[in-house]
Amino acid sequence: MIVHRLTPCLLQGLLTLCGMHDLEGKPILLCSSNDSSVHLFDLPSFSEKGKIFAKQEIRAIQTGPGGLFFTGDGTGQVRVWNSVAVPTATT
């Protein structure tokens, strides 16, 4: 079941994994692949939470304080990302 949920990342060639907590304290997995993207998965369900893109393959992911994380791609560019809570619709 886990492999099925990670299939988008695995099919593109898995490069690096990094775990962190979102702003609500829930664990997430960051998974970079050869298609120059990082997939974000909720844990333990492994449901895809989102995706971010870079100019080239993301070779490094590092977490920081307060929901920040950093990515480094093949061009040498380092980006700072903020793990913000996604608003949910209420009825």
PDB file of N, CA and C in Angstrom:
ATOM      1  N   MET A   1       0.827  -1.192   0.000  1.00  0.00           N
ATOM      2  CA  MET A   1       0.000   0.000   0.000  1.00  0.00           C
ATOM      3  C   MET A   1       0.870   1.254   0.000  1.00  0.00           C
ATOM      4  N   ILE A   2       1.930   1.269   0.770  1.00  0.00           N
ATOM      5  CA  ILE A   2       2.798   2.441   0.833  1.00  0.00           C
ATOM      6  C   ILE A   2       3.455   2.687  -0.510  1.00  0.00           C
ATOM      7  N   VAL A   3       3.940   1.619  -1.154  1.00  0.00           N
ATOM      8  CA  VAL A   3       4.590   1.775  -2.456  1.00  0.00           C
ATOM      9  C   VAL A   3       3.619   2.358  -3.464  1.00  0.00           C
ATOM     10  N   HIS A   4       2.364   1.933  -3.421  1.00  0.00           N
ATOM     11  CA  HIS A   4       1.354   2.473  -4.340  1.00  0.00           C
ATOM     12  C   HIS A   4       1.193   3.976  -4.150  1.00  0.00           C
ATOM     13  N   ARG A   5       1.192   4.434  -2.934  1.00  0.00           N
ATOM     14  CA  ARG A   5       1.019   5.866  -2.663  1.00  0.00           C
ATOM     15  C   ARG A   5       2.250   6.671  -3.052  1.00  0.00           C
ATOM     16  N   LEU A   6       3.417   6.065  -2.980  1.00  0.00           N
ATOM     17  CA  LEU A   6       4.652   6.751  -3.350  1.00  0.00           C
ATOM     18  C   LEU A   6       4.978   6.591  -4.830  1.00  0.00           C
ATOM     19  N   THR A   7       4.126   5.906  -5.582  1.00  0.00           N
ATOM     20  CA  THR A   7       4.399   5.620  -6.989  1.00  0.00           C
ATOM     21  C   THR A   7       4.764   6.848  -7.807  1.00  0.00           C
ATOM     22  N   PRO A   8       4.076   8.006  -7.689  1.00  0.00           N
ATOM     23  CA  PRO A   8       4.479   9.163  -8.503  1.00  0.00           C
ATOM     24  C   PRO A   8       5.945   9.527  -8.307  1.00  0.00           C
ATOM     25  N   CYS A   9       6.415   9.442  -7.096  1.00  0.00           N
ATOM     26  CA  CYS A   9       7.808   9.772  -6.790  1.00  0.00           C
ATOM     27  C   CYS A   9       8.741   8.677  -7.296  1.00  0.00           C
ATOM     28  N   LEU A  10       8.366   7.429  -7.099  1.00  0.00           N
ATOM     29  CA  LEU A  10       9.224   6.314  -7.488  1.00  0.00           C
ATOM     30  C   LEU A  10       9.351   6.190  -8.997  1.00  0.00           C
ATOM     31  N   LEU A  11       8.277   6.439  -9.732  1.00  0.00           N
ATOM     32  CA  LEU A  11       8.321   6.330 -11.190  1.00  0.00           C
ATOM     33  C   LEU A  11       9.258   7.352 -11.807  1.00  0.00           C
ATOM     34  N   GLN A  12       9.389   8.496 -11.185  1.00  0.00           N
ATOM     35  CA  GLN A  12      10.257   9.547 -11.708  1.00  0.00           C
ATOM     36  C   GLN A  12      11.699   9.397 -11.230  1.00  0.00           C
ATOM     37  N   GLY A  13      11.975   8.473 -10.357  1.00  0.00           N
ATOM     38  CA  GLY A  13      13.320   8.274  -9.830  1.00  0.00           C
ATOM     39  C   GLY A  13      13.507   9.017  -8.526  1.00  0.00           C
ATOM     40  N   LEU A  14      13.448   8.305  -7.439  1.00  0.00           N
ATOM     41  CA  LEU A  14      13.567   8.883  -6.105  1.00  0.00           C
ATOM     42  C   LEU A  14      14.986   9.380  -5.859  1.00  0.00           C
ATOM     43  N   LEU A  15      15.125  10.621  -5.404  1.00  0.00           N
ATOM     44  CA  LEU A  15      16.443  11.196  -5.127  1.00  0.00           C
ATOM     45  C   LEU A  15      16.719  11.333  -3.640  1.00  0.00           C
ATOM     46  N   THR A  16      15.784  11.929  -2.906  1.00  0.00           N
ATOM     47  CA  THR A  16      16.011  12.134  -1.474  1.00  0.00           C
ATOM     48  C   THR A  16      14.683  12.188  -0.730  1.00  0.00           C
ATOM     49  N   LEU A  17      14.726  11.826   0.538  1.00  0.00           N
ATOM     50  CA  LEU A  17      13.570  11.872   1.426  1.00  0.00           C
ATOM     51  C   LEU A  17      13.918  12.713   2.641  1.00  0.00           C
ATOM     52  N   CYS A  18      12.903  13.389   3.178  1.00  0.00           N
ATOM     53  CA  CYS A  18      13.098  14.172   4.396  1.00  0.00           C
ATOM     54  C   CYS A  18      11.766  14.231   5.134  1.00  0.00           C
ATOM     55  N   GLY A  19      11.788  14.005   6.429  1.00  0.00           N
ATOM     56  CA  GLY A  19      10.578  14.085   7.234  1.00  0.00           C
ATOM     57  C   GLY A  19      10.564  15.353   8.068  1.00  0.00           C
ATOM     58  N   MET A  20       9.367  15.879   8.295  1.00  0.00           N
ATOM     59  CA  MET A  20       9.206  17.060   9.141  1.00  0.00           C
ATOM     60  C   MET A  20       7.773  17.098   9.648  1.00  0.00           C
ATOM     61  N   HIS A  21       7.467  18.089  10.469  1.00  0.00           N
ATOM     62  CA  HIS A  21       6.104  18.309  10.947  1.00  0.00           C
ATOM     63  C   HIS A  21       5.575  19.597  10.334  1.00  0.00           C
ATOM     64  N   ASP A  22       4.286  19.593   9.958  1.00  0.00           N
ATOM     65  CA  ASP A  22       3.686  20.821   9.445  1.00  0.00           C
ATOM     66  C   ASP A  22       3.349  21.740  10.619  1.00  0.00           C
ATOM     67  N   LEU A  23       2.719  22.872  10.330  1.00  0.00           N
ATOM     68  CA  LEU A  23       2.432  23.847  11.386  1.00  0.00           C
ATOM     69  C   LEU A  23       1.417  23.355  12.407  1.00  0.00           C
ATOM     70  N   GLU A  24       0.664  22.312  12.041  1.00  0.00           N
ATOM     71  CA  GLU A  24      -0.288  21.720  12.978  1.00  0.00           C
ATOM     72  C   GLU A  24       0.346  20.597  13.788  1.00  0.00           C
ATOM     73  N   GLY A  25       1.637  20.344  13.563  1.00  0.00           N
ATOM     74  CA  GLY A  25       2.337  19.294  14.281  1.00  0.00           C
ATOM     75  C   GLY A  25       2.176  17.911  13.688  1.00  0.00           C
ATOM     76  N   LYS A  26       1.565  17.815  12.508  1.00  0.00           N
ATOM     77  CA  LYS A  26       1.365  16.522  11.857  1.00  0.00           C
ATOM     78  C   LYS A  26       2.598  16.171  11.023  1.00  0.00           C
ATOM     79  N   PRO A  27       3.006  14.897  11.039  1.00  0.00           N
ATOM     80  CA  PRO A  27       4.192  14.505  10.276  1.00  0.00           C
ATOM     81  C   PRO A  27       3.924  14.480   8.773  1.00  0.00           C
ATOM     82  N   ILE A  28       4.903  14.951   8.001  1.00  0.00           N
ATOM     83  CA  ILE A  28       4.834  14.888   6.544  1.00  0.00           C
ATOM     84  C   ILE A  28       6.171  14.373   6.016  1.00  0.00           C
ATOM     85  N   LEU A  29       6.124  13.794   4.825  1.00  0.00           N
ATOM     86  CA  LEU A  29       7.309  13.279   4.158  1.00  0.00           C
ATOM     87  C   LEU A  29       7.523  14.079   2.885  1.00  0.00           C
ATOM     88  N   LEU A  30       8.738  14.582   2.685  1.00  0.00           N
ATOM     89  CA  LEU A  30       9.122  15.290   1.467  1.00  0.00           C
ATOM     90  C   LEU A  30       9.936  14.315   0.630  1.00  0.00           C
ATOM     91  N   CYS A  31       9.568  14.160  -0.633  1.00  0.00           N
ATOM     92  CA  CYS A  31      10.175  13.163  -1.502  1.00  0.00           C
ATOM     93  C   CYS A  31      10.545  13.820  -2.825  1.00  0.00           C
ATOM     94  N   SER A  32      11.843  13.978  -3.117  1.00  0.00           N
ATOM     95  CA  SER A  32      12.239  14.600  -4.384  1.00  0.00           C
ATOM     96  C   SER A  32      12.511  13.529  -5.430  1.00  0.00           C
ATOM     97  N   SER A  33      12.252  13.885  -6.691  1.00  0.00           N
ATOM     98  CA  SER A  33      12.418  12.933  -7.783  1.00  0.00           C
ATOM     99  C   SER A  33      13.088  13.591  -8.980  1.00  0.00           C
ATOM    100  N   ASN A  34      13.443  12.781  -9.964  1.00  0.00           N
ATOM    101  CA  ASN A  34      14.165  13.249 -11.149  1.00  0.00           C
ATOM    102  C   ASN A  34      13.376  14.207 -12.033  1.00  0.00           C
ATOM    103  N   ASP A  35      12.082  14.358 -11.810  1.00  0.00           N
ATOM    104  CA  ASP A  35      11.286  15.280 -12.633  1.00  0.00           C
ATOM    105  C   ASP A  35      11.315  16.706 -12.087  1.00  0.00           C
ATOM    106  N   SER A  36      12.296  17.018 -11.259  1.00  0.00           N
ATOM    107  CA  SER A  36      12.490  18.357 -10.676  1.00  0.00           C
ATOM    108  C   SER A  36      11.349  18.773  -9.757  1.00  0.00           C
ATOM    109  N   SER A  37      10.756  17.806  -9.075  1.00  0.00           N
ATOM    110  CA  SER A  37       9.667  18.128  -8.157  1.00  0.00           C
ATOM    111  C   SER A  37       9.909  17.494  -6.797  1.00  0.00           C
ATOM    112  N   VAL A  38       9.196  18.023  -5.808  1.00  0.00           N
ATOM    113  CA  VAL A  38       9.150  17.437  -4.471  1.00  0.00           C
ATOM    114  C   VAL A  38       7.685  17.172  -4.163  1.00  0.00           C
ATOM    115  N   HIS A  39       7.374  15.931  -3.829  1.00  0.00           N
ATOM    116  CA  HIS A  39       6.021  15.553  -3.425  1.00  0.00           C
ATOM    117  C   HIS A  39       5.954  15.610  -1.905  1.00  0.00           C
ATOM    118  N   LEU A  40       4.858  16.135  -1.376  1.00  0.00           N
ATOM    119  CA  LEU A  40       4.636  16.200   0.065  1.00  0.00           C
ATOM    120  C   LEU A  40       3.530  15.213   0.413  1.00  0.00           C
ATOM    121  N   PHE A  41       3.819  14.286   1.331  1.00  0.00           N
ATOM    122  CA  PHE A  41       2.865  13.264   1.729  1.00  0.00           C
ATOM    123  C   PHE A  41       2.547  13.391   3.206  1.00  0.00           C
ATOM    124  N   ASP A  42       1.239  13.274   3.544  1.00  0.00           N
ATOM    125  CA  ASP A  42       0.821  13.174   4.943  1.00  0.00           C
ATOM    126  C   ASP A  42       1.242  11.810   5.469  1.00  0.00           C
ATOM    127  N   LEU A  43       1.623  11.761   6.731  1.00  0.00           N
ATOM    128  CA  LEU A  43       1.924  10.490   7.379  1.00  0.00           C
ATOM    129  C   LEU A  43       0.949  10.277   8.518  1.00  0.00           C
ATOM    130  N   PRO A  44       0.505   9.095   8.795  1.00  0.00           N
ATOM    131  CA  PRO A  44       0.927   7.822   8.227  1.00  0.00           C
ATOM    132  C   PRO A  44       0.123   7.382   7.007  1.00  0.00           C
ATOM    133  N   SER A  45      -0.807   8.193   6.525  1.00  0.00           N
ATOM    134  CA  SER A  45      -1.685   7.778   5.421  1.00  0.00           C
ATOM    135  C   SER A  45      -0.997   7.768   4.061  1.00  0.00           C
ATOM    136  N   PHE A  46       0.089   8.522   3.906  1.00  0.00           N
ATOM    137  CA  PHE A  46       0.813   8.680   2.644  1.00  0.00           C
ATOM    138  C   PHE A  46      -0.054   9.296   1.547  1.00  0.00           C
ATOM    139  N   SER A  47      -1.093  10.043   1.927  1.00  0.00           N
ATOM    140  CA  SER A  47      -1.876  10.765   0.922  1.00  0.00           C
ATOM    141  C   SER A  47      -1.084  12.001   0.500  1.00  0.00           C
ATOM    142  N   GLU A  48      -1.107  12.295  -0.811  1.00  0.00           N
ATOM    143  CA  GLU A  48      -0.307  13.403  -1.315  1.00  0.00           C
ATOM    144  C   GLU A  48      -0.914  14.725  -0.878  1.00  0.00           C
ATOM    145  N   LYS A  49      -0.092  15.560  -0.265  1.00  0.00           N
ATOM    146  CA  LYS A  49      -0.535  16.843   0.273  1.00  0.00           C
ATOM    147  C   LYS A  49      -0.252  17.982  -0.696  1.00  0.00           C
ATOM    148  N   GLY A  50       0.752  17.815  -1.559  1.00  0.00           N
ATOM    149  CA  GLY A  50       1.103  18.861  -2.509  1.00  0.00           C
ATOM    150  C   GLY A  50       2.361  18.522  -3.262  1.00  0.00           C
ATOM    151  N   LYS A  51       2.777  19.458  -4.119  1.00  0.00           N
ATOM    152  CA  LYS A  51       3.972  19.272  -4.930  1.00  0.00           C
ATOM    153  C   LYS A  51       4.585  20.634  -5.204  1.00  0.00           C
ATOM    154  N   ILE A  52       5.917  20.706  -5.176  1.00  0.00           N
ATOM    155  CA  ILE A  52       6.630  21.927  -5.537  1.00  0.00           C
ATOM    156  C   ILE A  52       7.630  21.591  -6.639  1.00  0.00           C
ATOM    157  N   PHE A  53       8.034  22.599  -7.397  1.00  0.00           N
ATOM    158  CA  PHE A  53       8.897  22.381  -8.553  1.00  0.00           C
ATOM    159  C   PHE A  53      10.154  23.232  -8.475  1.00  0.00           C
ATOM    160  N   ALA A  54      11.205  22.783  -9.152  1.00  0.00           N
ATOM    161  CA  ALA A  54      12.469  23.515  -9.242  1.00  0.00           C
ATOM    162  C   ALA A  54      12.916  23.523 -10.701  1.00  0.00           C
ATOM    163  N   LYS A  55      14.022  24.216 -10.970  1.00  0.00           N
ATOM    164  CA  LYS A  55      14.544  24.284 -12.337  1.00  0.00           C
ATOM    165  C   LYS A  55      15.209  22.978 -12.750  1.00  0.00           C
ATOM    166  N   GLN A  56      15.889  22.317 -11.812  1.00  0.00           N
ATOM    167  CA  GLN A  56      16.511  21.017 -12.050  1.00  0.00           C
ATOM    168  C   GLN A  56      16.223  20.111 -10.862  1.00  0.00           C
ATOM    169  N   GLU A  57      16.746  18.895 -10.921  1.00  0.00           N
ATOM    170  CA  GLU A  57      16.495  17.925  -9.864  1.00  0.00           C
ATOM    171  C   GLU A  57      16.901  18.473  -8.500  1.00  0.00           C
ATOM    172  N   ILE A  58      16.037  18.254  -7.526  1.00  0.00           N
ATOM    173  CA  ILE A  58      16.322  18.680  -6.161  1.00  0.00           C
ATOM    174  C   ILE A  58      17.149  17.591  -5.500  1.00  0.00           C
ATOM    175  N   ARG A  59      18.382  17.930  -5.182  1.00  0.00           N
ATOM    176  CA  ARG A  59      19.341  16.964  -4.640  1.00  0.00           C
ATOM    177  C   ARG A  59      19.433  17.006  -3.119  1.00  0.00           C
ATOM    178  N   ALA A  60      18.939  18.078  -2.507  1.00  0.00           N
ATOM    179  CA  ALA A  60      19.039  18.200  -1.050  1.00  0.00           C
ATOM    180  C   ALA A  60      17.785  18.854  -0.493  1.00  0.00           C
ATOM    181  N   ILE A  61      17.314  18.314   0.628  1.00  0.00           N
ATOM    182  CA  ILE A  61      16.199  18.892   1.383  1.00  0.00           C
ATOM    183  C   ILE A  61      16.635  18.939   2.839  1.00  0.00           C
ATOM    184  N   GLN A  62      16.451  20.089   3.462  1.00  0.00           N
ATOM    185  CA  GLN A  62      16.817  20.244   4.875  1.00  0.00           C
ATOM    186  C   GLN A  62      15.706  21.003   5.587  1.00  0.00           C
ATOM    187  N   THR A  63      15.335  20.562   6.775  1.00  0.00           N
ATOM    188  CA  THR A  63      14.293  21.248   7.534  1.00  0.00           C
ATOM    189  C   THR A  63      14.902  22.349   8.383  1.00  0.00           C
ATOM    190  N   GLY A  64      14.065  23.323   8.707  1.00  0.00           N
ATOM    191  CA  GLY A  64      14.464  24.432   9.556  1.00  0.00           C
ATOM    192  C   GLY A  64      13.399  24.678  10.605  1.00  0.00           C
ATOM    193  N   PRO A  65      13.541  25.723  11.397  1.00  0.00           N
ATOM    194  CA  PRO A  65      12.573  26.018  12.454  1.00  0.00           C
ATOM    195  C   PRO A  65      11.284  26.618  11.899  1.00  0.00           C
ATOM    196  N   GLY A  66      10.206  26.472  12.641  1.00  0.00           N
ATOM    197  CA  GLY A  66       8.956  27.148  12.323  1.00  0.00           C
ATOM    198  C   GLY A  66       8.316  26.758  11.012  1.00  0.00           C
ATOM    199  N   GLY A  67       8.466  25.502  10.589  1.00  0.00           N
ATOM    200  CA  GLY A  67       7.838  25.058   9.351  1.00  0.00           C
ATOM    201  C   GLY A  67       8.611  25.393   8.090  1.00  0.00           C
ATOM    202  N   LEU A  68       9.818  25.925   8.226  1.00  0.00           N
ATOM    203  CA  LEU A  68      10.644  26.217   7.053  1.00  0.00           C
ATOM    204  C   LEU A  68      11.359  24.956   6.591  1.00  0.00           C
ATOM    205  N   PHE A  69      11.554  24.845   5.268  1.00  0.00           N
ATOM    206  CA  PHE A  69      12.458  23.834   4.749  1.00  0.00           C
ATOM    207  C   PHE A  69      13.174  24.398   3.536  1.00  0.00           C
ATOM    208  N   PHE A  70      14.322  23.830   3.253  1.00  0.00           N
ATOM    209  CA  PHE A  70      15.220  24.341   2.225  1.00  0.00           C
ATOM    210  C   PHE A  70      15.453  23.258   1.181  1.00  0.00           C
ATOM    211  N   THR A  71      15.503  23.667  -0.086  1.00  0.00           N
ATOM    212  CA  THR A  71      15.823  22.727  -1.154  1.00  0.00           C
ATOM    213  C   THR A  71      17.002  23.261  -1.954  1.00  0.00           C
ATOM    214  N   GLY A  72      17.826  22.344  -2.414  1.00  0.00           N
ATOM    215  CA  GLY A  72      18.941  22.691  -3.284  1.00  0.00           C
ATOM    216  C   GLY A  72      18.830  21.887  -4.563  1.00  0.00           C
ATOM    217  N   ASP A  73      18.854  22.566  -5.723  1.00  0.00           N
ATOM    218  CA  ASP A  73      18.691  21.848  -6.985  1.00  0.00           C
ATOM    219  C   ASP A  73      19.996  21.779  -7.773  1.00  0.00           C
ATOM    220  N   GLY A  74      19.937  21.145  -8.938  1.00  0.00           N
ATOM    221  CA  GLY A  74      21.104  20.921  -9.770  1.00  0.00           C
ATOM    222  C   GLY A  74      21.748  22.172 -10.320  1.00  0.00           C
ATOM    223  N   THR A  75      21.050  23.302 -10.297  1.00  0.00           N
ATOM    224  CA  THR A  75      21.639  24.560 -10.764  1.00  0.00           C
ATOM    225  C   THR A  75      22.473  25.222  -9.679  1.00  0.00           C
ATOM    226  N   GLY A  76      22.382  24.698  -8.458  1.00  0.00           N
ATOM    227  CA  GLY A  76      23.068  25.306  -7.325  1.00  0.00           C
ATOM    228  C   GLY A  76      22.186  26.267  -6.555  1.00  0.00           C
ATOM    229  N   GLN A  77      20.951  26.433  -7.004  1.00  0.00           N
ATOM    230  CA  GLN A  77      20.026  27.355  -6.346  1.00  0.00           C
ATOM    231  C   GLN A  77      19.469  26.721  -5.073  1.00  0.00           C
ATOM    232  N   VAL A  78      19.473  27.494  -3.995  1.00  0.00           N
ATOM    233  CA  VAL A  78      18.875  27.081  -2.732  1.00  0.00           C
ATOM    234  C   VAL A  78      17.624  27.920  -2.524  1.00  0.00           C
ATOM    235  N   ARG A  79      16.520  27.251  -2.237  1.00  0.00           N
ATOM    236  CA  ARG A  79      15.253  27.950  -1.992  1.00  0.00           C
ATOM    237  C   ARG A  79      14.776  27.668  -0.582  1.00  0.00           C
ATOM    238  N   VAL A  80      14.107  28.668  -0.021  1.00  0.00           N
ATOM    239  CA  VAL A  80      13.506  28.546   1.301  1.00  0.00           C
ATOM    240  C   VAL A  80      12.000  28.454   1.105  1.00  0.00           C
ATOM    241  N   TRP A  81      11.390  27.447   1.699  1.00  0.00           N
ATOM    242  CA  TRP A  81       9.952  27.218   1.592  1.00  0.00           C
ATOM    243  C   TRP A  81       9.340  27.296   2.981  1.00  0.00           C
ATOM    244  N   ASN A  82       8.069  27.700   3.030  1.00  0.00           N
ATOM    245  CA  ASN A  82       7.339  27.765   4.289  1.00  0.00           C
ATOM    246  C   ASN A  82       6.181  26.788   4.222  1.00  0.00           C
ATOM    247  N   SER A  83       6.136  25.876   5.146  1.00  0.00           N
ATOM    248  CA  SER A  83       5.062  24.889   5.201  1.00  0.00           C
ATOM    249  C   SER A  83       3.850  25.538   5.864  1.00  0.00           C
ATOM    250  N   VAL A  84       2.977  26.112   5.061  1.00  0.00           N
ATOM    251  CA  VAL A  84       1.795  26.793   5.595  1.00  0.00           C
ATOM    252  C   VAL A  84       0.627  25.828   5.640  1.00  0.00           C
ATOM    253  N   ALA A  85      -0.245  26.046   6.594  1.00  0.00           N
ATOM    254  CA  ALA A  85      -1.443  25.228   6.694  1.00  0.00           C
ATOM    255  C   ALA A  85      -2.377  25.566   5.542  1.00  0.00           C
ATOM    256  N   VAL A  86      -2.904  24.531   4.901  1.00  0.00           N
ATOM    257  CA  VAL A  86      -3.841  24.725   3.801  1.00  0.00           C
ATOM    258  C   VAL A  86      -5.229  24.918   4.386  1.00  0.00           C
ATOM    259  N   PRO A  87      -5.917  26.026   4.015  1.00  0.00           N
ATOM    260  CA  PRO A  87      -7.259  26.238   4.564  1.00  0.00           C
ATOM    261  C   PRO A  87      -8.223  25.162   4.082  1.00  0.00           C
ATOM    262  N   THR A  88      -9.098  24.737   4.963  1.00  0.00           N
ATOM    263  CA  THR A  88     -10.092  23.735   4.596  1.00  0.00           C
ATOM    264  C   THR A  88     -11.454  24.395   4.512  1.00  0.00           C
ATOM    265  N   ALA A  89     -12.263  23.909   3.598  1.00  0.00           N
ATOM    266  CA  ALA A  89     -13.607  24.461   3.414  1.00  0.00           C
ATOM    267  C   ALA A  89     -14.513  23.969   4.536  1.00  0.00           C
ATOM    268  N   THR A  90     -15.327  24.864   5.047  1.00  0.00           N
ATOM    269  CA  THR A  90     -16.296  24.482   6.069  1.00  0.00           C
ATOM    270  C   THR A  90     -17.689  24.701   5.517  1.00  0.00           C
ATOM    271  N   THR A  91     -18.585  23.830   5.921  1.00  0.00           N
ATOM    272  CA  THR A  91     -19.970  23.958   5.443  1.00  0.00           C
ATOM    273  C   THR A  91     -20.912  24.218   6.572  1.00  0.00           C
TER     274      THR A  91
END
